């Protein structure tokens, strides 16, 4: 029969870890609903017992409450087991994902390493060294050209500071002598005056005033 129609079980895909986690979460949610329902029943039994006196009626309600509590404890045990199973499967899923990412990183590094080896294999270190030497020579020649263009023609290469100070002192003395000579020339009598000026006495000055009037 299996040879003619094939086996349905063999065609069914195997559940993945994520499928198992989802299924477990559904069972956990279902049990949580049941526990919540049992909590409601226990609260109702507790309220009923608080209103009854000791007797057969109260004992019957108490027995129901005990059975409900036992059922709740059973569901709570299952809930803890399922929660632990879900946690373990999620941890395994995380570890699997981390391992997958690590393998992808390793593969990427391998590919990059091969590419680097391929590229660096085309580089000749001797040619690079020759280029460096040629660049150093060209820079040295450029510096020599700049020094040659910046050479001064009238100013000596080395100047003595003492000589410069002495030259400045000499210029100061020349300026002082020229200023003294200029003042002496101002006080000197002009060459075109033959006789010195005559000072007028007081009477002569009065007469001159009268004549003018």
Protein backbone atom coordinates (compact mmCIF):
# COMPACT_ATOMS: atom_id res chain seq x y z
CA UNK A 1 0.00 0.00 0.00
CA UNK A 2 2.82 2.37 0.90
CA UNK A 3 4.55 1.54 -2.42
CA UNK A 4 1.47 2.61 -4.42
CA UNK A 5 0.23 5.67 -2.54
CA UNK A 6 3.29 6.48 -0.48
CA UNK A 7 3.46 7.25 3.21
CA UNK A 8 1.80 10.45 4.42
CA UNK A 9 4.05 10.53 7.45
CA UNK A 10 7.20 10.70 5.32
CA UNK A 11 5.92 13.76 3.47
CA UNK A 12 5.07 15.70 6.62
CA UNK A 13 7.83 18.17 7.43
CA UNK A 14 9.53 17.86 10.77
CA UNK A 15 8.61 20.54 13.30
CA UNK A 16 11.23 23.15 13.86
CA UNK A 17 12.39 24.46 17.20
CA UNK A 18 10.36 27.60 16.71
CA UNK A 19 7.27 25.50 16.01
CA UNK A 20 7.79 23.63 19.26
CA UNK A 21 8.16 26.91 21.17
CA UNK A 22 4.95 28.28 19.65
CA UNK A 23 3.06 25.07 20.48
CA UNK A 24 4.31 25.16 24.06
CA UNK A 25 3.29 28.79 24.45
CA UNK A 26 -0.23 27.91 23.29
CA UNK A 27 -0.45 25.15 25.91
CA UNK A 28 0.82 27.54 28.59
CA UNK A 29 -1.84 30.09 27.69
CA UNK A 30 -4.55 27.40 27.84
CA UNK A 31 -3.46 26.22 31.29
CA UNK A 32 -3.31 29.81 32.58
CA UNK A 33 -6.97 30.24 31.54
CA UNK A 34 -7.90 27.08 33.44
CA UNK A 35 -6.05 28.21 36.56
CA UNK A 36 -7.80 31.55 36.42
CA UNK A 37 -11.16 29.78 36.20
CA UNK A 38 -10.30 27.58 39.20
CA UNK A 39 -9.32 30.68 41.19
CA UNK A 40 -12.80 32.04 40.54
CA UNK A 41 -14.40 28.84 41.82
CA UNK A 42 -12.24 28.83 44.92
CA UNK A 43 -13.22 32.41 45.67
CA UNK A 44 -16.90 31.48 45.34
CA UNK A 45 -16.51 28.44 47.64
CA UNK A 46 -14.70 30.59 50.18
CA UNK A 47 -17.52 33.13 50.16
CA UNK A 48 -20.13 30.38 50.59
CA UNK A 49 -18.29 28.77 53.49
CA UNK A 50 -18.00 32.12 55.23
CA UNK A 51 -21.81 32.39 55.29
CA UNK A 52 -22.51 28.84 56.54
CA UNK A 53 -22.23 27.34 59.97
CA UNK A 54 -20.38 24.16 60.63
CA UNK A 55 -22.35 21.24 59.34
CA UNK A 56 -22.91 18.88 56.37
CA UNK A 57 -23.54 21.73 53.92
CA UNK A 58 -20.37 23.54 54.78
CA UNK A 59 -18.39 20.28 54.72
CA UNK A 60 -19.65 19.47 51.22
CA UNK A 61 -18.58 22.86 49.92
CA UNK A 62 -15.26 22.43 51.65
CA UNK A 63 -14.69 19.09 49.86
CA UNK A 64 -15.41 20.73 46.51
CA UNK A 65 -12.99 23.50 47.35
CA UNK A 66 -10.31 20.92 48.19
CA UNK A 67 -10.80 19.08 44.88
CA UNK A 68 -10.66 22.40 43.02
CA UNK A 69 -7.48 23.34 44.87
CA UNK A 70 -5.88 19.97 44.02
CA UNK A 71 -6.78 20.49 40.36
CA UNK A 72 -5.28 23.96 40.49
CA UNK A 73 -2.05 22.63 41.98
CA UNK A 74 -1.85 20.03 39.17
CA UNK A 75 -2.27 22.70 36.51
CA UNK A 76 0.30 24.89 38.24
CA UNK A 77 2.80 21.99 38.14
CA UNK A 78 2.18 21.51 34.42
CA UNK A 79 2.50 25.25 33.88
CA UNK A 80 5.90 25.33 35.58
CA UNK A 81 7.12 22.37 33.50
CA UNK A 82 5.93 23.93 30.25
CA UNK A 83 7.44 27.29 31.19
CA UNK A 84 10.79 25.58 31.86
CA UNK A 85 10.58 23.67 28.56
CA UNK A 86 9.78 26.89 26.69
CA UNK A 87 12.70 28.63 28.36
CA UNK A 88 15.08 25.80 27.45
CA UNK A 89 13.91 25.77 23.83
CA UNK A 90 14.23 29.55 23.57
CA UNK A 91 17.75 29.33 24.99
CA UNK A 92 18.58 26.67 22.41
CA UNK A 93 17.07 28.84 19.66
CA UNK A 94 19.16 31.81 20.76
CA UNK A 95 22.31 29.68 20.87
CA UNK A 96 21.52 28.31 17.41
CA UNK A 97 20.98 31.81 16.03
CA UNK A 98 24.23 33.03 17.60
CA UNK A 99 26.07 30.06 16.12
CA UNK A 100 24.54 30.78 12.72
CA UNK A 101 25.64 34.42 12.94
CA UNK A 102 29.10 33.34 14.04
CA UNK A 103 29.46 31.00 11.08
CA UNK A 104 28.30 33.76 8.73
CA UNK A 105 30.89 36.10 10.25
CA UNK A 106 33.63 33.49 9.86
CA UNK A 107 32.67 32.90 6.22
CA UNK A 108 32.73 36.64 5.57
CA UNK A 109 36.16 36.93 7.18
CA UNK A 110 37.46 34.05 5.08
CA UNK A 111 36.21 35.71 1.91
CA UNK A 112 37.74 39.02 2.93
CA UNK A 113 41.03 37.29 3.73
CA UNK A 114 41.14 35.67 0.31
CA UNK A 115 40.38 39.01 -1.36
CA UNK A 116 43.11 40.76 0.60
CA UNK A 117 45.62 38.08 -0.30
CA UNK A 118 44.64 38.41 -3.93
CA UNK A 119 45.01 42.19 -3.90
CA UNK A 120 48.24 42.31 -1.92
CA UNK A 121 49.67 39.62 -4.14
CA UNK A 122 49.60 42.15 -6.98
CA UNK A 123 51.68 44.69 -5.05
CA UNK A 124 55.46 44.76 -5.54
CA UNK A 125 57.11 46.06 -2.39
CA UNK A 126 60.31 46.88 -4.29
CA UNK A 127 58.43 49.22 -6.61
CA UNK A 128 56.91 50.96 -3.61
CA UNK A 129 60.36 51.43 -2.07
CA UNK A 130 61.67 52.86 -5.34
CA UNK A 131 58.76 55.29 -5.46
CA UNK A 132 59.57 56.40 -1.93
CA UNK A 133 63.22 57.01 -2.82
CA UNK A 134 62.25 58.96 -5.93
CA UNK A 135 59.84 61.06 -3.90
CA UNK A 136 62.55 61.87 -1.36
CA UNK A 137 64.93 62.94 -4.15
CA UNK A 138 62.28 65.15 -5.74
CA UNK A 139 61.47 66.82 -2.42
CA UNK A 140 65.15 67.44 -1.76
CA UNK A 141 65.56 69.02 -5.21
CA UNK A 142 62.48 71.18 -4.60
CA UNK A 143 63.99 72.43 -1.32
CA UNK A 144 67.24 73.29 -3.09
CA UNK A 145 65.33 75.24 -5.71
CA UNK A 146 63.42 77.17 -3.03
CA UNK A 147 66.64 78.00 -1.20
CA UNK A 148 68.23 79.18 -4.44
CA UNK A 149 65.26 81.39 -5.28
CA UNK A 150 65.16 82.85 -1.78
CA UNK A 151 68.85 83.78 -1.73
CA UNK A 152 69.55 87.51 -1.02
CA UNK A 153 71.93 89.50 -3.22
CA UNK A 154 72.59 92.80 -1.34
CA UNK A 155 72.35 91.71 2.28
CA UNK A 156 75.21 89.57 3.60
CA UNK A 157 74.33 86.15 4.85
CA UNK A 158 75.56 86.77 8.37
CA UNK A 159 75.26 90.13 10.18
CA UNK A 160 76.98 90.98 13.43
CA UNK A 161 74.61 92.52 15.97
CA UNK A 162 77.44 94.60 17.47
CA UNK A 163 78.15 96.15 14.06
CA UNK A 164 74.49 96.96 13.61
CA UNK A 165 74.29 98.66 17.02
CA UNK A 166 77.42 100.70 16.28
CA UNK A 167 75.95 101.78 12.97
CA UNK A 168 72.72 102.85 14.66
CA UNK A 169 74.69 104.89 17.25
CA UNK A 170 76.58 106.60 14.44
CA UNK A 171 73.32 107.50 12.72
CA UNK A 172 72.01 108.97 15.99
CA UNK A 173 75.11 111.13 16.36
CA UNK A 174 74.77 112.38 12.80
CA UNK A 175 71.14 113.32 13.45
CA UNK A 176 72.15 115.21 16.62
CA UNK A 177 74.93 117.12 14.82
CA UNK A 178 72.59 118.10 12.01
CA UNK A 179 70.00 119.41 14.45
CA UNK A 180 72.66 121.46 16.39
CA UNK A 181 74.00 122.93 13.14
CA UNK A 182 70.48 123.90 12.07
CA UNK A 183 69.83 125.78 15.33
CA UNK A 184 73.18 127.61 15.02
CA UNK A 185 72.29 128.73 11.53
CA UNK A 186 69.03 130.17 12.77
CA UNK A 187 70.78 132.31 15.44
CA UNK A 188 73.49 133.48 13.02
CA UNK A 189 73.29 137.07 11.60
CA UNK A 190 72.49 137.12 7.88
CA UNK A 191 75.39 137.88 5.56
CA UNK A 192 73.57 140.78 3.80
CA UNK A 193 73.44 142.93 7.02
CA UNK A 194 76.62 145.13 7.15
CA UNK A 195 76.08 146.68 10.58
CA UNK A 196 74.35 145.40 13.63
CA UNK A 197 70.93 146.95 14.38
CA UNK A 198 70.92 150.20 16.43
CA UNK A 199 68.89 150.21 19.59
CA UNK A 200 66.68 153.31 20.03
CA UNK A 201 66.73 155.27 23.29
CA UNK A 202 63.49 156.27 24.98
CA UNK A 203 63.43 159.94 23.76
CA UNK A 204 64.10 158.87 20.25
CA UNK A 205 61.27 156.45 20.46
CA UNK A 206 58.88 159.21 21.70
CA UNK A 207 59.90 161.51 18.92
CA UNK A 208 59.31 158.84 16.42
CA UNK A 209 55.77 158.41 17.79
CA UNK A 210 55.05 162.14 17.57
CA UNK A 211 56.34 162.32 14.02
CA UNK A 212 54.12 159.49 13.05
CA UNK A 213 51.10 161.19 14.63
